[in-house]
Amino acid sequence: MCAHAGMATPVTVSPRVTVSGQPIVTMASTYSIAGCTFPAMSSGAPPCATAQWTTAALRVTSMGQPVLLQDSIATCIPTGTPLLISATQPRVSAM
């Protein structure tokens, strides 16, 4: 989710690796954001539209790209606010 309660979803996933039957996401994927409630009327700035990851796993990759982890960090564009991770899978851990 963006900091303004918009729902973020990955644009692409890594189809070669799955966890609990679901494909994983790597740092290369951007996230699209829908429903951002950023108060654009008062500030004149547009709401969150996408997010780009800035940190991911150091040692675990899929198809050459670092895998996203629970402590990965993303920045929403164009607001610059953080993307908040609200759901993860607990079956695998990485560093």
PDB file of N, CA and C in Angstrom:
ATOM      1  N   MET A   1       0.842  -1.185   0.000  1.00  0.00           N
ATOM      2  CA  MET A   1       0.000   0.000   0.000  1.00  0.00           C
ATOM      3  C   MET A   1       0.885   1.245   0.000  1.00  0.00           C
ATOM      4  N   CYS A   2       0.396   2.303  -0.639  1.00  0.00           N
ATOM      5  CA  CYS A   2       1.117   3.565  -0.521  1.00  0.00           C
ATOM      6  C   CYS A   2       0.761   4.165   0.841  1.00  0.00           C
ATOM      7  N   ALA A   3       1.468   5.192   1.242  1.00  0.00           N
ATOM      8  CA  ALA A   3       1.246   5.808   2.544  1.00  0.00           C
ATOM      9  C   ALA A   3      -0.126   6.458   2.659  1.00  0.00           C
ATOM     10  N   HIS A   4      -0.841   6.573   1.543  1.00  0.00           N
ATOM     11  CA  HIS A   4      -2.160   7.205   1.530  1.00  0.00           C
ATOM     12  C   HIS A   4      -3.269   6.179   1.293  1.00  0.00           C
ATOM     13  N   ALA A   5      -2.991   4.914   1.558  1.00  0.00           N
ATOM     14  CA  ALA A   5      -3.944   3.801   1.478  1.00  0.00           C
ATOM     15  C   ALA A   5      -4.261   3.337   0.069  1.00  0.00           C
ATOM     16  N   GLY A   6      -3.459   3.704  -0.921  1.00  0.00           N
ATOM     17  CA  GLY A   6      -3.638   3.182  -2.273  1.00  0.00           C
ATOM     18  C   GLY A   6      -3.098   1.759  -2.360  1.00  0.00           C
ATOM     19  N   MET A   7      -3.776   0.903  -3.103  1.00  0.00           N
ATOM     20  CA  MET A   7      -3.353  -0.494  -3.254  1.00  0.00           C
ATOM     21  C   MET A   7      -2.307  -0.618  -4.357  1.00  0.00           C
ATOM     22  N   ALA A   8      -1.187  -1.228  -4.000  1.00  0.00           N
ATOM     23  CA  ALA A   8      -0.082  -1.420  -4.946  1.00  0.00           C
ATOM     24  C   ALA A   8      -0.052  -2.872  -5.414  1.00  0.00           C
ATOM     25  N   THR A   9       0.135  -3.061  -6.708  1.00  0.00           N
ATOM     26  CA  THR A   9       0.246  -4.404  -7.264  1.00  0.00           C
ATOM     27  C   THR A   9       1.434  -4.442  -8.227  1.00  0.00           C
ATOM     28  N   PRO A  10       2.154  -5.569  -8.256  1.00  0.00           N
ATOM     29  CA  PRO A  10       3.312  -5.651  -9.153  1.00  0.00           C
ATOM     30  C   PRO A  10       2.885  -5.657 -10.618  1.00  0.00           C
ATOM     31  N   VAL A  11       3.671  -4.974 -11.439  1.00  0.00           N
ATOM     32  CA  VAL A  11       3.414  -4.962 -12.879  1.00  0.00           C
ATOM     33  C   VAL A  11       3.834  -6.295 -13.485  1.00  0.00           C
ATOM     34  N   THR A  12       4.971  -6.843 -13.012  1.00  0.00           N
ATOM     35  CA  THR A  12       5.442  -8.142 -13.486  1.00  0.00           C
ATOM     36  C   THR A  12       5.861  -8.996 -12.292  1.00  0.00           C
ATOM     37  N   VAL A  13       5.841 -10.292 -12.483  1.00  0.00           N
ATOM     38  CA  VAL A  13       6.304 -11.237 -11.463  1.00  0.00           C
ATOM     39  C   VAL A  13       7.356 -12.141 -12.090  1.00  0.00           C
ATOM     40  N   SER A  14       8.063 -12.879 -11.246  1.00  0.00           N
ATOM     41  CA  SER A  14       9.068 -13.816 -11.733  1.00  0.00           C
ATOM     42  C   SER A  14       8.406 -15.185 -11.878  1.00  0.00           C
ATOM     43  N   PRO A  15       8.101 -15.614 -13.094  1.00  0.00           N
ATOM     44  CA  PRO A  15       7.347 -16.850 -13.292  1.00  0.00           C
ATOM     45  C   PRO A  15       8.117 -18.132 -13.001  1.00  0.00           C
ATOM     46  N   ARG A  16       9.435 -18.055 -12.915  1.00  0.00           N
ATOM     47  CA  ARG A  16      10.233 -19.266 -12.713  1.00  0.00           C
ATOM     48  C   ARG A  16      10.309 -19.718 -11.274  1.00  0.00           C
ATOM     49  N   VAL A  17      10.016 -18.815 -10.333  1.00  0.00           N
ATOM     50  CA  VAL A  17      10.103 -19.159  -8.914  1.00  0.00           C
ATOM     51  C   VAL A  17       8.758 -18.886  -8.262  1.00  0.00           C
ATOM     52  N   THR A  18       8.262 -19.881  -7.529  1.00  0.00           N
ATOM     53  CA  THR A  18       7.025 -19.692  -6.788  1.00  0.00           C
ATOM     54  C   THR A  18       7.236 -20.073  -5.324  1.00  0.00           C
ATOM     55  N   VAL A  19       6.451 -19.465  -4.458  1.00  0.00           N
ATOM     56  CA  VAL A  19       6.436 -19.793  -3.038  1.00  0.00           C
ATOM     57  C   VAL A  19       4.975 -19.996  -2.673  1.00  0.00           C
ATOM     58  N   SER A  20       4.672 -21.171  -2.138  1.00  0.00           N
ATOM     59  CA  SER A  20       3.285 -21.533  -1.825  1.00  0.00           C
ATOM     60  C   SER A  20       2.395 -21.387  -3.055  1.00  0.00           C
ATOM     61  N   GLY A  21       2.952 -21.689  -4.229  1.00  0.00           N
ATOM     62  CA  GLY A  21       2.179 -21.647  -5.466  1.00  0.00           C
ATOM     63  C   GLY A  21       2.032 -20.270  -6.084  1.00  0.00           C
ATOM     64  N   GLN A  22       2.586 -19.242  -5.464  1.00  0.00           N
ATOM     65  CA  GLN A  22       2.477 -17.882  -5.983  1.00  0.00           C
ATOM     66  C   GLN A  22       3.829 -17.426  -6.521  1.00  0.00           C
ATOM     67  N   PRO A  23       3.858 -16.722  -7.667  1.00  0.00           N
ATOM     68  CA  PRO A  23       5.128 -16.239  -8.198  1.00  0.00           C
ATOM     69  C   PRO A  23       5.714 -15.162  -7.296  1.00  0.00           C
ATOM     70  N   ILE A  24       7.047 -15.080  -7.250  1.00  0.00           N
ATOM     71  CA  ILE A  24       7.703 -14.054  -6.449  1.00  0.00           C
ATOM     72  C   ILE A  24       7.853 -12.776  -7.265  1.00  0.00           C
ATOM     73  N   VAL A  25       8.285 -11.711  -6.591  1.00  0.00           N
ATOM     74  CA  VAL A  25       8.507 -10.433  -7.258  1.00  0.00           C
ATOM     75  C   VAL A  25       9.954 -10.026  -7.020  1.00  0.00           C
ATOM     76  N   THR A  26      10.575  -9.473  -8.048  1.00  0.00           N
ATOM     77  CA  THR A  26      11.958  -9.018  -7.939  1.00  0.00           C
ATOM     78  C   THR A  26      12.013  -7.489  -7.934  1.00  0.00           C
ATOM     79  N   MET A  27      13.187  -6.996  -7.633  1.00  0.00           N
ATOM     80  CA  MET A  27      13.407  -5.551  -7.575  1.00  0.00           C
ATOM     81  C   MET A  27      13.156  -4.871  -8.919  1.00  0.00           C
ATOM     82  N   ALA A  28      13.264  -5.600 -10.003  1.00  0.00           N
ATOM     83  CA  ALA A  28      13.080  -5.026 -11.339  1.00  0.00           C
ATOM     84  C   ALA A  28      11.637  -4.625 -11.617  1.00  0.00           C
ATOM     85  N   SER A  29      10.686  -5.204 -10.899  1.00  0.00           N
ATOM     86  CA  SER A  29       9.281  -4.906 -11.148  1.00  0.00           C
ATOM     87  C   SER A  29       8.873  -3.590 -10.504  1.00  0.00           C
ATOM     88  N   THR A  30       8.171  -2.769 -11.264  1.00  0.00           N
ATOM     89  CA  THR A  30       7.535  -1.596 -10.667  1.00  0.00           C
ATOM     90  C   THR A  30       6.171  -2.030 -10.152  1.00  0.00           C
ATOM     91  N   TYR A  31       5.600  -1.246  -9.303  1.00  0.00           N
ATOM     92  CA  TYR A  31       4.257  -1.496  -8.788  1.00  0.00           C
ATOM     93  C   TYR A  31       3.346  -0.382  -9.261  1.00  0.00           C
ATOM     94  N   SER A  32       2.139  -0.725  -9.691  1.00  0.00           N
ATOM     95  CA  SER A  32       1.148   0.294 -10.026  1.00  0.00           C
ATOM     96  C   SER A  32       0.294   0.511  -8.784  1.00  0.00           C
ATOM     97  N   ILE A  33      -0.146   1.738  -8.587  1.00  0.00           N
ATOM     98  CA  ILE A  33      -0.914   2.091  -7.390  1.00  0.00           C
ATOM     99  C   ILE A  33      -2.271   2.622  -7.811  1.00  0.00           C
ATOM    100  N   ALA A  34      -3.325   2.064  -7.224  1.00  0.00           N
ATOM    101  CA  ALA A  34      -4.694   2.495  -7.504  1.00  0.00           C
ATOM    102  C   ALA A  34      -5.356   2.934  -6.202  1.00  0.00           C
ATOM    103  N   GLY A  35      -6.118   3.996  -6.263  1.00  0.00           N
ATOM    104  CA  GLY A  35      -6.889   4.437  -5.106  1.00  0.00           C
ATOM    105  C   GLY A  35      -6.121   5.264  -4.097  1.00  0.00           C
ATOM    106  N   CYS A  36      -5.015   5.875  -4.499  1.00  0.00           N
ATOM    107  CA  CYS A  36      -4.255   6.731  -3.582  1.00  0.00           C
ATOM    108  C   CYS A  36      -5.137   7.905  -3.170  1.00  0.00           C
ATOM    109  N   THR A  37      -5.177   8.170  -1.866  1.00  0.00           N
ATOM    110  CA  THR A  37      -6.018   9.257  -1.352  1.00  0.00           C
ATOM    111  C   THR A  37      -5.209  10.508  -1.025  1.00  0.00           C
ATOM    112  N   PHE A  38      -4.032  10.659  -1.646  1.00  0.00           N
ATOM    113  CA  PHE A  38      -3.210  11.841  -1.409  1.00  0.00           C
ATOM    114  C   PHE A  38      -4.050  13.089  -1.644  1.00  0.00           C
ATOM    115  N   PRO A  39      -3.998  14.040  -0.717  1.00  0.00           N
ATOM    116  CA  PRO A  39      -4.849  15.244  -0.845  1.00  0.00           C
ATOM    117  C   PRO A  39      -4.363  16.197  -1.937  1.00  0.00           C
ATOM    118  N   ALA A  40      -4.549  15.795  -3.170  1.00  0.00           N
ATOM    119  CA  ALA A  40      -4.065  16.585  -4.311  1.00  0.00           C
ATOM    120  C   ALA A  40      -4.743  17.951  -4.384  1.00  0.00           C
ATOM    121  N   MET A  41      -5.970  18.044  -3.940  1.00  0.00           N
ATOM    122  CA  MET A  41      -6.697  19.313  -4.021  1.00  0.00           C
ATOM    123  C   MET A  41      -6.009  20.404  -3.193  1.00  0.00           C
ATOM    124  N   SER A  42      -5.486  20.049  -2.040  1.00  0.00           N
ATOM    125  CA  SER A  42      -4.887  21.068  -1.169  1.00  0.00           C
ATOM    126  C   SER A  42      -3.447  21.389  -1.555  1.00  0.00           C
ATOM    127  N   SER A  43      -2.711  20.416  -2.082  1.00  0.00           N
ATOM    128  CA  SER A  43      -1.305  20.662  -2.377  1.00  0.00           C
ATOM    129  C   SER A  43      -1.030  20.893  -3.861  1.00  0.00           C
ATOM    130  N   GLY A  44      -1.924  20.454  -4.711  1.00  0.00           N
ATOM    131  CA  GLY A  44      -1.724  20.577  -6.144  1.00  0.00           C
ATOM    132  C   GLY A  44      -0.857  19.480  -6.740  1.00  0.00           C
ATOM    133  N   ALA A  45      -0.301  18.595  -5.891  1.00  0.00           N
ATOM    134  CA  ALA A  45       0.539  17.495  -6.366  1.00  0.00           C
ATOM    135  C   ALA A  45      -0.336  16.307  -6.757  1.00  0.00           C
ATOM    136  N   PRO A  46       0.088  15.540  -7.753  1.00  0.00           N
ATOM    137  CA  PRO A  46      -0.695  14.350  -8.143  1.00  0.00           C
ATOM    138  C   PRO A  46      -0.547  13.231  -7.117  1.00  0.00           C
ATOM    139  N   PRO A  47      -1.492  12.288  -7.085  1.00  0.00           N
ATOM    140  CA  PRO A  47      -1.415  11.149  -6.156  1.00  0.00           C
ATOM    141  C   PRO A  47      -0.349  10.139  -6.589  1.00  0.00           C
ATOM    142  N   CYS A  48      -0.061   9.185  -5.714  1.00  0.00           N
ATOM    143  CA  CYS A  48       0.887   8.110  -6.030  1.00  0.00           C
ATOM    144  C   CYS A  48       0.367   7.328  -7.233  1.00  0.00           C
ATOM    145  N   ALA A  49       1.231   7.043  -8.190  1.00  0.00           N
ATOM    146  CA  ALA A  49       0.833   6.308  -9.389  1.00  0.00           C
ATOM    147  C   ALA A  49       1.594   4.994  -9.520  1.00  0.00           C
ATOM    148  N   THR A  50       2.895   5.020  -9.209  1.00  0.00           N
ATOM    149  CA  THR A  50       3.730   3.829  -9.283  1.00  0.00           C
ATOM    150  C   THR A  50       4.691   3.832  -8.098  1.00  0.00           C
ATOM    151  N   ALA A  51       5.401   2.722  -7.931  1.00  0.00           N
ATOM    152  CA  ALA A  51       6.440   2.645  -6.905  1.00  0.00           C
ATOM    153  C   ALA A  51       7.613   1.868  -7.480  1.00  0.00           C
ATOM    154  N   GLN A  52       8.813   2.277  -7.110  1.00  0.00           N
ATOM    155  CA  GLN A  52      10.026   1.609  -7.561  1.00  0.00           C
ATOM    156  C   GLN A  52      10.823   1.170  -6.344  1.00  0.00           C
ATOM    157  N   TRP A  53      11.286  -0.065  -6.362  1.00  0.00           N
ATOM    158  CA  TRP A  53      12.042  -0.631  -5.250  1.00  0.00           C
ATOM    159  C   TRP A  53      13.474  -0.131  -5.269  1.00  0.00           C
ATOM    160  N   THR A  54      14.000   0.185  -4.070  1.00  0.00           N
ATOM    161  CA  THR A  54      15.373   0.673  -3.954  1.00  0.00           C
ATOM    162  C   THR A  54      16.268  -0.304  -3.196  1.00  0.00           C
ATOM    163  N   THR A  55      15.685  -1.217  -2.427  1.00  0.00           N
ATOM    164  CA  THR A  55      16.468  -2.260  -1.756  1.00  0.00           C
ATOM    165  C   THR A  55      15.767  -3.598  -1.905  1.00  0.00           C
ATOM    166  N   ALA A  56      16.558  -4.666  -1.905  1.00  0.00           N
ATOM    167  CA  ALA A  56      16.030  -6.033  -2.013  1.00  0.00           C
ATOM    168  C   ALA A  56      17.085  -6.978  -1.451  1.00  0.00           C
ATOM    169  N   ALA A  57      16.916  -8.267  -1.691  1.00  0.00           N
ATOM    170  CA  ALA A  57      17.855  -9.270  -1.179  1.00  0.00           C
ATOM    171  C   ALA A  57      19.263  -9.013  -1.716  1.00  0.00           C
ATOM    172  N   LEU A  58      20.246  -9.271  -0.881  1.00  0.00           N
ATOM    173  CA  LEU A  58      21.639  -9.119  -1.296  1.00  0.00           C
ATOM    174  C   LEU A  58      22.187 -10.375  -1.955  1.00  0.00           C
ATOM    175  N   ARG A  59      21.685 -11.534  -1.547  1.00  0.00           N
ATOM    176  CA  ARG A  59      22.256 -12.802  -2.012  1.00  0.00           C
ATOM    177  C   ARG A  59      21.289 -13.694  -2.785  1.00  0.00           C
ATOM    178  N   VAL A  60      20.020 -13.345  -2.819  1.00  0.00           N
ATOM    179  CA  VAL A  60      19.032 -14.208  -3.478  1.00  0.00           C
ATOM    180  C   VAL A  60      18.488 -13.493  -4.699  1.00  0.00           C
ATOM    181  N   THR A  61      18.590 -14.164  -5.856  1.00  0.00           N
ATOM    182  CA  THR A  61      18.101 -13.579  -7.097  1.00  0.00           C
ATOM    183  C   THR A  61      17.208 -14.557  -7.842  1.00  0.00           C
ATOM    184  N   SER A  62      16.435 -14.020  -8.755  1.00  0.00           N
ATOM    185  CA  SER A  62      15.636 -14.811  -9.676  1.00  0.00           C
ATOM    186  C   SER A  62      15.816 -14.182 -11.046  1.00  0.00           C
ATOM    187  N   MET A  63      16.287 -14.968 -11.998  1.00  0.00           N
ATOM    188  CA  MET A  63      16.545 -14.486 -13.347  1.00  0.00           C
ATOM    189  C   MET A  63      17.482 -13.267 -13.319  1.00  0.00           C
ATOM    190  N   GLY A  64      18.460 -13.290 -12.379  1.00  0.00           N
ATOM    191  CA  GLY A  64      19.463 -12.244 -12.292  1.00  0.00           C
ATOM    192  C   GLY A  64      19.041 -10.999 -11.535  1.00  0.00           C
ATOM    193  N   GLN A  65      17.820 -10.969 -11.005  1.00  0.00           N
ATOM    194  CA  GLN A  65      17.326  -9.796 -10.298  1.00  0.00           C
ATOM    195  C   GLN A  65      17.152 -10.108  -8.813  1.00  0.00           C
ATOM    196  N   PRO A  66      17.510  -9.169  -7.917  1.00  0.00           N
ATOM    197  CA  PRO A  66      17.328  -9.395  -6.485  1.00  0.00           C
ATOM    198  C   PRO A  66      15.843  -9.591  -6.132  1.00  0.00           C
ATOM    199  N   VAL A  67      15.581 -10.540  -5.256  1.00  0.00           N
ATOM    200  CA  VAL A  67      14.220 -10.860  -4.817  1.00  0.00           C
ATOM    201  C   VAL A  67      13.789  -9.861  -3.742  1.00  0.00           C
ATOM    202  N   LEU A  68      12.511  -9.479  -3.764  1.00  0.00           N
ATOM    203  CA  LEU A  68      11.994  -8.577  -2.732  1.00  0.00           C
ATOM    204  C   LEU A  68      11.797  -9.336  -1.431  1.00  0.00           C
ATOM    205  N   LEU A  69      12.077  -8.650  -0.323  1.00  0.00           N
ATOM    206  CA  LEU A  69      11.937  -9.218   1.010  1.00  0.00           C
ATOM    207  C   LEU A  69      11.000  -8.352   1.845  1.00  0.00           C
ATOM    208  N   GLN A  70      10.637  -8.842   3.026  1.00  0.00           N
ATOM    209  CA  GLN A  70       9.738  -8.095   3.897  1.00  0.00           C
ATOM    210  C   GLN A  70      10.325  -6.742   4.288  1.00  0.00           C
ATOM    211  N   ASP A  71      11.651  -6.634   4.361  1.00  0.00           N
ATOM    212  CA  ASP A  71      12.263  -5.359   4.736  1.00  0.00           C
ATOM    213  C   ASP A  71      12.748  -4.547   3.525  1.00  0.00           C
ATOM    214  N   SER A  72      12.342  -4.928   2.312  1.00  0.00           N
ATOM    215  CA  SER A  72      12.703  -4.161   1.118  1.00  0.00           C
ATOM    216  C   SER A  72      12.035  -2.782   1.179  1.00  0.00           C
ATOM    217  N   ILE A  73      12.643  -1.822   0.497  1.00  0.00           N
ATOM    218  CA  ILE A  73      12.145  -0.447   0.534  1.00  0.00           C
ATOM    219  C   ILE A  73      11.809   0.013  -0.880  1.00  0.00           C
ATOM    220  N   ALA A  74      10.658   0.691  -1.006  1.00  0.00           N
ATOM    221  CA  ALA A  74      10.236   1.257  -2.285  1.00  0.00           C
ATOM    222  C   ALA A  74       9.780   2.693  -2.070  1.00  0.00           C
ATOM    223  N   THR A  75       9.891   3.490  -3.118  1.00  0.00           N
ATOM    224  CA  THR A  75       9.459   4.876  -3.093  1.00  0.00           C
ATOM    225  C   THR A  75       8.350   5.074  -4.110  1.00  0.00           C
ATOM    226  N   CYS A  76       7.282   5.742  -3.674  1.00  0.00           N
ATOM    227  CA  CYS A  76       6.155   6.027  -4.561  1.00  0.00           C
ATOM    228  C   CYS A  76       6.499   7.213  -5.453  1.00  0.00           C
ATOM    229  N   ILE A  77       6.020   7.131  -6.683  1.00  0.00           N
ATOM    230  CA  ILE A  77       6.258   8.182  -7.665  1.00  0.00           C
ATOM    231  C   ILE A  77       4.903   8.769  -8.037  1.00  0.00           C
ATOM    232  N   PRO A  78       4.686  10.041  -7.996  1.00  0.00           N
ATOM    233  CA  PRO A  78       5.637  11.134  -7.875  1.00  0.00           C
ATOM    234  C   PRO A  78       5.752  11.720  -6.464  1.00  0.00           C
ATOM    235  N   THR A  79       5.091  11.159  -5.466  1.00  0.00           N
ATOM    236  CA  THR A  79       5.059  11.793  -4.144  1.00  0.00           C
ATOM    237  C   THR A  79       6.330  11.609  -3.325  1.00  0.00           C
ATOM    238  N   GLY A  80       7.096  10.541  -3.575  1.00  0.00           N
ATOM    239  CA  GLY A  80       8.318  10.292  -2.819  1.00  0.00           C
ATOM    240  C   GLY A  80       8.075   9.658  -1.464  1.00  0.00           C
ATOM    241  N   THR A  81       6.846   9.260  -1.184  1.00  0.00           N
ATOM    242  CA  THR A  81       6.529   8.617   0.090  1.00  0.00           C
ATOM    243  C   THR A  81       6.844   7.125  -0.002  1.00  0.00           C
ATOM    244  N   PRO A  82       6.978   6.446   1.142  1.00  0.00           N
ATOM    245  CA  PRO A  82       7.322   5.022   1.099  1.00  0.00           C
ATOM    246  C   PRO A  82       6.137   4.144   0.716  1.00  0.00           C
ATOM    247  N   LEU A  83       6.445   2.994   0.144  1.00  0.00           N
ATOM    248  CA  LEU A  83       5.452   1.958  -0.097  1.00  0.00           C
ATOM    249  C   LEU A  83       5.457   1.080   1.154  1.00  0.00           C
ATOM    250  N   LEU A  84       4.300   0.756   1.683  1.00  0.00           N
ATOM    251  CA  LEU A  84       4.188  -0.018   2.911  1.00  0.00           C
ATOM    252  C   LEU A  84       3.853  -1.464   2.581  1.00  0.00           C
ATOM    253  N   ILE A  85       4.680  -2.388   3.042  1.00  0.00           N
ATOM    254  CA  ILE A  85       4.446  -3.810   2.799  1.00  0.00           C
ATOM    255  C   ILE A  85       3.422  -4.293   3.811  1.00  0.00           C
ATOM    256  N   SER A  86       2.274  -4.757   3.328  1.00  0.00           N
ATOM    257  CA  SER A  86       1.208  -5.171   4.237  1.00  0.00           C
ATOM    258  C   SER A  86       0.963  -6.675   4.231  1.00  0.00           C
ATOM    259  N   ALA A  87       1.502  -7.394   3.247  1.00  0.00           N
ATOM    260  CA  ALA A  87       1.317  -8.845   3.203  1.00  0.00           C
ATOM    261  C   ALA A  87       2.556  -9.493   2.598  1.00  0.00           C
ATOM    262  N   THR A  88       2.998 -10.572   3.213  1.00  0.00           N
ATOM    263  CA  THR A  88       4.126 -11.341   2.700  1.00  0.00           C
ATOM    264  C   THR A  88       3.831 -12.816   2.923  1.00  0.00           C
ATOM    265  N   GLN A  89       4.683 -13.658   2.380  1.00  0.00           N
ATOM    266  CA  GLN A  89       4.561 -15.085   2.662  1.00  0.00           C
ATOM    267  C   GLN A  89       5.622 -15.440   3.696  1.00  0.00           C
ATOM    268  N   PRO A  90       5.271 -16.218   4.712  1.00  0.00           N
ATOM    269  CA  PRO A  90       6.218 -16.522   5.804  1.00  0.00           C
ATOM    270  C   PRO A  90       7.015 -17.820   5.635  1.00  0.00           C
ATOM    271  N   ARG A  91       6.912 -18.512   4.514  1.00  0.00           N
ATOM    272  CA  ARG A  91       7.491 -19.840   4.393  1.00  0.00           C
ATOM    273  C   ARG A  91       8.978 -19.854   4.038  1.00  0.00           C
ATOM    274  N   VAL A  92       9.489 -18.760   3.495  1.00  0.00           N
ATOM    275  CA  VAL A  92      10.880 -18.708   3.069  1.00  0.00           C
ATOM    276  C   VAL A  92      11.498 -17.429   3.622  1.00  0.00           C
ATOM    277  N   SER A  93      12.753 -17.517   4.040  1.00  0.00           N
ATOM    278  CA  SER A  93      13.449 -16.308   4.467  1.00  0.00           C
ATOM    279  C   SER A  93      14.742 -16.193   3.671  1.00  0.00           C
ATOM    280  N   ALA A  94      15.226 -14.959   3.508  1.00  0.00           N
ATOM    281  CA  ALA A  94      16.434 -14.714   2.720  1.00  0.00           C
ATOM    282  C   ALA A  94      17.158 -13.503   3.267  1.00  0.00           C
ATOM    283  N   MET A  95      18.371 -13.302   2.756  1.00  0.00           N
ATOM    284  CA  MET A  95      19.118 -12.106   3.119  1.00  0.00           C
ATOM    285  C   MET A  95      19.747 -11.483   1.901  1.00  0.00           C
TER     286      MET A  95
END
